């Protein structure tokens, strides 16, 4: 079940990033992040009321900490996608999002099998390869968005790691708090960097759709961590660049390069190994 839930999370994250990244090219990336996260907060609060749960003090604490990571990750990811190349921003952010929880999982006592580790070893280069799109790089500034990608990856790594500590019986309340805190974190960062963050135009309003997808992705990830290892859930969820690449090929008719094809094949192998492990 952890494989199905984590892959569902990856698909939803990929769709959310595709929408959010496109909108960030039309308006402020910070406004897009605020709009998306605010919409997700409302959705998850309603879900928490409907489904119930018994979160403890630690669950609320982990939810708050994950929100800091989510706010930092989303804001810098959208800014990176707006100013840099997908081939730089997506793979670095995804690798960071995968590696940090793997380390945390091992430190906290998780012991994946050898087969599962083999799947993780295949997934990491797969994340990188599926995001390669050399023809979209700016030759004058091939490293555009690099710093944003690193910061986004660390933010998402914190998000995944903290959510992995939320108890099974907590429900979706801590996740709703996570998104509420992420809005605050994004606004604080935007103010510190003197960037426009208030959603004022149609593009920023439409970003609420990215929030719907993002909330679904994070909810699926939370459920995945409650049914399996954090290391497995985080690595599979971090395959989200594959969703964007496939979406671009199917919807925008972009050609999948040889490296991307290899990455997709490695991703399939990684999923099979993790499932078998």
Protein backbone atom coordinates (compact mmCIF):
# COMPACT_ATOMS: atom_id res chain seq x y z
CA UNK A 1 0.00 0.00 0.00
CA UNK A 2 2.88 2.40 0.73
CA UNK A 3 3.99 2.11 -2.90
CA UNK A 4 0.53 2.97 -4.27
CA UNK A 5 0.06 5.91 -1.89
CA UNK A 6 3.55 7.31 -2.47
CA UNK A 7 3.24 7.05 -6.24
CA UNK A 8 -0.15 8.77 -6.06
CA UNK A 9 1.57 11.51 -4.09
CA UNK A 10 4.26 11.81 -6.77
CA UNK A 11 1.66 12.17 -9.52
CA UNK A 12 -0.25 14.85 -7.60
CA UNK A 13 2.95 16.72 -6.69
CA UNK A 14 4.06 16.65 -10.33
CA UNK A 15 0.73 18.06 -11.51
CA UNK A 16 0.78 20.71 -8.80
CA UNK A 17 4.32 21.79 -9.69
CA UNK A 18 3.45 21.91 -13.39
CA UNK A 19 0.51 24.23 -12.72
CA UNK A 20 2.31 26.32 -10.11
CA UNK A 21 5.46 26.65 -12.21
CA UNK A 22 3.53 27.84 -15.26
CA UNK A 23 1.57 30.39 -13.21
CA UNK A 24 4.76 31.65 -11.56
CA UNK A 25 5.95 32.81 -14.98
CA UNK A 26 2.92 35.12 -15.22
CA UNK A 27 2.85 36.57 -11.72
CA UNK A 28 4.80 36.60 -8.44
CA UNK A 29 5.97 33.13 -7.42
CA UNK A 30 5.40 34.11 -3.80
CA UNK A 31 1.77 35.04 -4.52
CA UNK A 32 1.27 31.70 -6.26
CA UNK A 33 2.71 29.86 -3.26
CA UNK A 34 0.51 31.79 -0.79
CA UNK A 35 -2.64 31.21 -2.86
CA UNK A 36 -1.94 27.49 -3.30
CA UNK A 37 -1.08 26.90 0.34
CA UNK A 38 -4.08 28.87 1.62
CA UNK A 39 -6.41 26.78 -0.53
CA UNK A 40 -4.78 23.59 0.75
CA UNK A 41 -5.20 24.77 4.35
CA UNK A 42 -8.95 25.17 3.91
CA UNK A 43 -9.37 21.83 2.14
CA UNK A 44 -7.42 19.88 4.74
CA UNK A 45 -9.16 21.64 7.64
CA UNK A 46 -12.51 20.52 6.24
CA UNK A 47 -11.15 17.00 5.70
CA UNK A 48 -9.90 16.92 9.28
CA UNK A 49 -13.34 17.94 10.58
CA UNK A 50 -15.04 15.22 8.54
CA UNK A 51 -12.63 12.37 9.28
CA UNK A 52 -11.75 13.21 12.87
CA UNK A 53 -8.58 11.99 14.56
CA UNK A 54 -6.83 12.19 17.93
CA UNK A 55 -3.67 14.26 17.47
CA UNK A 56 -1.41 14.69 20.48
CA UNK A 57 0.84 17.65 21.36
CA UNK A 58 3.76 16.08 19.48
CA UNK A 59 1.64 15.70 16.34
CA UNK A 60 0.82 19.42 16.35
CA UNK A 61 4.49 20.23 16.87
CA UNK A 62 5.58 18.04 13.96
CA UNK A 63 2.80 19.51 11.83
CA UNK A 64 4.03 23.04 12.57
CA UNK A 65 7.64 22.13 11.78
CA UNK A 66 6.62 20.48 8.51
CA UNK A 67 4.80 23.68 7.59
CA UNK A 68 8.01 25.67 7.84
CA UNK A 69 9.63 23.23 5.43
CA UNK A 70 6.63 23.23 3.12
CA UNK A 71 6.50 27.02 2.96
CA UNK A 72 10.20 27.33 2.20
CA UNK A 73 10.09 24.48 -0.32
CA UNK A 74 7.07 25.66 -2.30
CA UNK A 75 8.12 29.31 -2.44
CA UNK A 76 11.66 28.63 -3.63
CA UNK A 77 10.51 25.88 -6.00
CA UNK A 78 8.03 28.17 -7.74
CA UNK A 79 10.60 30.98 -7.89
CA UNK A 80 13.16 28.58 -9.30
CA UNK A 81 10.75 27.28 -11.95
CA UNK A 82 9.89 30.86 -12.89
CA UNK A 83 13.50 32.02 -13.30
CA UNK A 84 15.47 28.87 -14.11
CA UNK A 85 15.34 25.67 -16.09
CA UNK A 86 13.37 22.56 -15.17
CA UNK A 87 16.50 20.53 -15.88
CA UNK A 88 18.24 22.36 -13.04
CA UNK A 89 15.46 23.08 -10.56
CA UNK A 90 13.35 19.89 -10.59
CA UNK A 91 16.06 17.23 -10.15
CA UNK A 92 17.97 19.04 -7.42
CA UNK A 93 14.84 19.82 -5.42
CA UNK A 94 13.61 16.24 -5.79
CA UNK A 95 16.91 14.67 -4.75
CA UNK A 96 17.05 16.89 -1.69
CA UNK A 97 13.46 16.00 -0.84
CA UNK A 98 14.33 12.31 -1.06
CA UNK A 99 17.70 12.23 0.69
CA UNK A 100 16.88 14.16 3.85
CA UNK A 101 14.02 11.82 4.95
CA UNK A 102 16.08 8.74 4.07
CA UNK A 103 18.80 9.93 6.44
CA UNK A 104 16.23 10.80 9.11
CA UNK A 105 14.53 7.42 8.71
CA UNK A 106 17.76 5.50 9.16
CA UNK A 107 18.82 7.64 12.14
CA UNK A 108 15.45 7.05 13.82
CA UNK A 109 15.76 3.28 13.47
CA UNK A 110 14.29 2.30 10.09
CA UNK A 111 16.09 -0.62 8.45
CA UNK A 112 15.08 -1.08 4.79
CA UNK A 113 15.92 -4.42 3.17
CA UNK A 114 18.73 -4.80 0.65
CA UNK A 115 16.19 -4.99 -2.18
CA UNK A 116 14.56 -1.77 -0.97
CA UNK A 117 17.96 -0.06 -0.83
CA UNK A 118 18.54 -1.18 -4.42
CA UNK A 119 15.27 0.50 -5.35
CA UNK A 120 16.36 3.69 -3.60
CA UNK A 121 19.67 3.54 -5.45
CA UNK A 122 17.78 3.36 -8.77
CA UNK A 123 15.32 6.08 -7.82
CA UNK A 124 17.86 8.80 -7.11
CA UNK A 125 19.46 8.87 -10.60
CA UNK A 126 15.98 8.35 -12.06
CA UNK A 127 14.81 11.57 -10.39
CA UNK A 128 17.70 13.40 -12.01
CA UNK A 129 17.41 11.86 -15.47
CA UNK A 130 13.67 12.31 -15.95
CA UNK A 131 14.08 16.04 -15.37
CA UNK A 132 16.72 16.56 -18.02
CA UNK A 133 15.70 18.95 -20.76
CA UNK A 134 18.87 20.50 -22.11
CA UNK A 135 17.10 22.33 -24.91
CA UNK A 136 15.27 24.45 -22.32
CA UNK A 137 18.38 25.66 -20.54
CA UNK A 138 19.53 29.24 -20.87
CA UNK A 139 23.05 28.97 -22.38
CA UNK A 140 23.95 32.35 -20.91
CA UNK A 141 22.98 31.22 -17.41
CA UNK A 142 22.75 27.41 -17.20
CA UNK A 143 22.77 27.51 -13.41
CA UNK A 144 19.69 29.73 -13.11
CA UNK A 145 17.53 28.64 -10.22
CA UNK A 146 20.26 26.47 -8.66
CA UNK A 147 20.17 28.10 -5.22
CA UNK A 148 16.37 28.09 -5.24
CA UNK A 149 16.41 24.38 -6.13
CA UNK A 150 18.72 23.53 -3.22
CA UNK A 151 16.62 25.54 -0.77
CA UNK A 152 13.43 23.96 -2.11
CA UNK A 153 14.88 20.48 -1.72
CA UNK A 154 15.92 21.14 1.89
CA UNK A 155 12.49 22.60 2.61
CA UNK A 156 10.66 19.61 1.16
CA UNK A 157 13.07 17.27 2.96
CA UNK A 158 12.08 18.91 6.25
CA UNK A 159 8.40 18.69 5.27
CA UNK A 160 8.61 14.96 4.52
CA UNK A 161 10.76 14.17 7.56
CA UNK A 162 8.48 15.99 10.01
CA UNK A 163 5.27 14.54 8.57
CA UNK A 164 6.81 11.09 8.91
CA UNK A 165 6.76 11.58 12.69
CA UNK A 166 3.00 12.29 12.90
CA UNK A 167 1.17 9.41 14.59
CA UNK A 168 -1.26 7.15 12.76
CA UNK A 169 -4.25 8.22 14.85
CA UNK A 170 -3.63 11.97 14.45
CA UNK A 171 -5.85 12.38 11.40
CA UNK A 172 -5.46 15.36 9.06
CA UNK A 173 -5.51 18.12 11.68
CA UNK A 174 -1.69 18.43 11.92
CA UNK A 175 -1.51 18.47 8.12
CA UNK A 176 -3.95 21.37 7.98
CA UNK A 177 -1.82 23.21 10.54
CA UNK A 178 1.22 22.41 8.39
CA UNK A 179 -0.23 24.29 5.45
CA UNK A 180 -1.38 27.19 7.63
CA UNK A 181 2.16 27.56 8.96
CA UNK A 182 3.52 27.26 5.42
CA UNK A 183 1.48 30.32 4.39
CA UNK A 184 3.01 32.28 7.28
CA UNK A 185 6.51 31.05 6.45
CA UNK A 186 6.12 32.07 2.81
CA UNK A 187 4.86 35.54 3.72
CA UNK A 188 7.73 36.07 6.19
CA UNK A 189 10.27 35.05 3.55
CA UNK A 190 8.65 37.25 0.92
CA UNK A 191 8.65 40.27 3.24
CA UNK A 192 12.30 39.62 4.17
CA UNK A 193 13.23 39.46 0.47
CA UNK A 194 10.97 42.41 -0.38
CA UNK A 195 8.96 40.35 -2.84
CA UNK A 196 5.28 40.76 -3.70
CA UNK A 197 3.29 38.01 -2.00
CA UNK A 198 -0.34 39.16 -1.92
CA UNK A 199 -2.42 37.40 -4.61
CA UNK A 200 -3.85 40.23 -6.70
CA UNK A 201 -4.42 38.92 -10.21
CA UNK A 202 -6.19 36.06 -11.93
CA UNK A 203 -3.07 33.91 -12.26
CA UNK A 204 -2.50 34.00 -8.51
CA UNK A 205 -6.15 33.12 -7.91
CA UNK A 206 -5.97 30.19 -10.30
CA UNK A 207 -3.02 28.93 -8.23
CA UNK A 208 -5.61 27.68 -5.74
CA UNK A 209 -5.93 24.74 -8.14
CA UNK A 210 -2.29 23.90 -7.48
CA UNK A 211 -3.19 23.97 -3.80
CA UNK A 212 -5.90 21.36 -4.31
CA UNK A 213 -3.39 19.08 -6.00
CA UNK A 214 -0.73 19.84 -3.40
CA UNK A 215 -3.05 19.04 -0.51
CA UNK A 216 -3.94 15.72 -2.12
CA UNK A 217 -0.26 14.94 -2.67
CA UNK A 218 0.70 15.71 0.92
CA UNK A 219 -2.26 13.80 2.35
CA UNK A 220 -1.28 10.75 0.30
CA UNK A 221 2.31 11.10 1.49
CA UNK A 222 1.18 11.25 5.12
CA UNK A 223 -0.87 8.08 4.65
CA UNK A 224 2.10 6.43 2.93
CA UNK A 225 4.37 7.10 5.91
CA UNK A 226 1.75 5.55 8.19
CA UNK A 227 1.65 2.33 6.18
CA UNK A 228 5.35 1.90 5.39
CA UNK A 229 8.88 3.21 5.90
CA UNK A 230 9.59 6.95 5.70
CA UNK A 231 12.60 6.28 3.45
CA UNK A 232 10.44 4.38 0.95
CA UNK A 233 7.58 6.90 0.97
CA UNK A 234 9.88 9.90 0.54
CA UNK A 235 11.90 8.41 -2.33
CA UNK A 236 8.85 7.30 -4.29
CA UNK A 237 7.04 10.59 -3.70
CA UNK A 238 10.15 12.40 -4.94
CA UNK A 239 9.70 10.83 -8.36
CA UNK A 240 7.32 13.72 -9.10
CA UNK A 241 9.48 15.14 -11.95
CA UNK A 242 8.50 12.07 -13.99
CA UNK A 243 4.89 13.27 -13.88
CA UNK A 244 5.86 16.65 -15.27
CA UNK A 245 7.95 15.14 -18.06
CA UNK A 246 5.19 12.75 -19.11
CA UNK A 247 2.61 15.54 -18.91
CA UNK A 248 4.71 17.75 -21.15
CA UNK A 249 5.05 14.89 -23.65
CA UNK A 250 1.35 14.03 -23.70
CA UNK A 251 -0.18 17.50 -23.46
CA UNK A 252 2.45 19.79 -24.92
CA UNK A 253 3.87 17.16 -27.32
CA UNK A 254 7.41 17.68 -26.11
CA UNK A 255 9.89 14.99 -27.11
CA UNK A 256 11.23 12.73 -24.37
CA UNK A 257 15.02 12.67 -24.66
CA UNK A 258 17.20 9.60 -24.38
CA UNK A 259 18.27 10.49 -20.84
CA UNK A 260 14.67 11.05 -19.79
CA UNK A 261 13.67 7.70 -21.25
CA UNK A 262 16.44 6.01 -19.27
CA UNK A 263 15.25 7.85 -16.17
CA UNK A 264 11.69 6.65 -16.65
CA UNK A 265 12.94 3.08 -17.04
CA UNK A 266 15.00 3.40 -13.85
CA UNK A 267 11.97 4.83 -12.07
CA UNK A 268 9.91 1.80 -13.08
CA UNK A 269 12.69 -0.51 -11.87
CA UNK A 270 12.91 1.43 -8.59
CA UNK A 271 9.19 1.03 -7.99
CA UNK A 272 9.37 -2.70 -8.70
CA UNK A 273 12.31 -3.19 -6.33
CA UNK A 274 10.76 -1.16 -3.53
CA UNK A 275 7.49 -3.05 -3.92
CA UNK A 276 9.33 -6.37 -3.84
CA UNK A 277 11.33 -5.33 -0.79
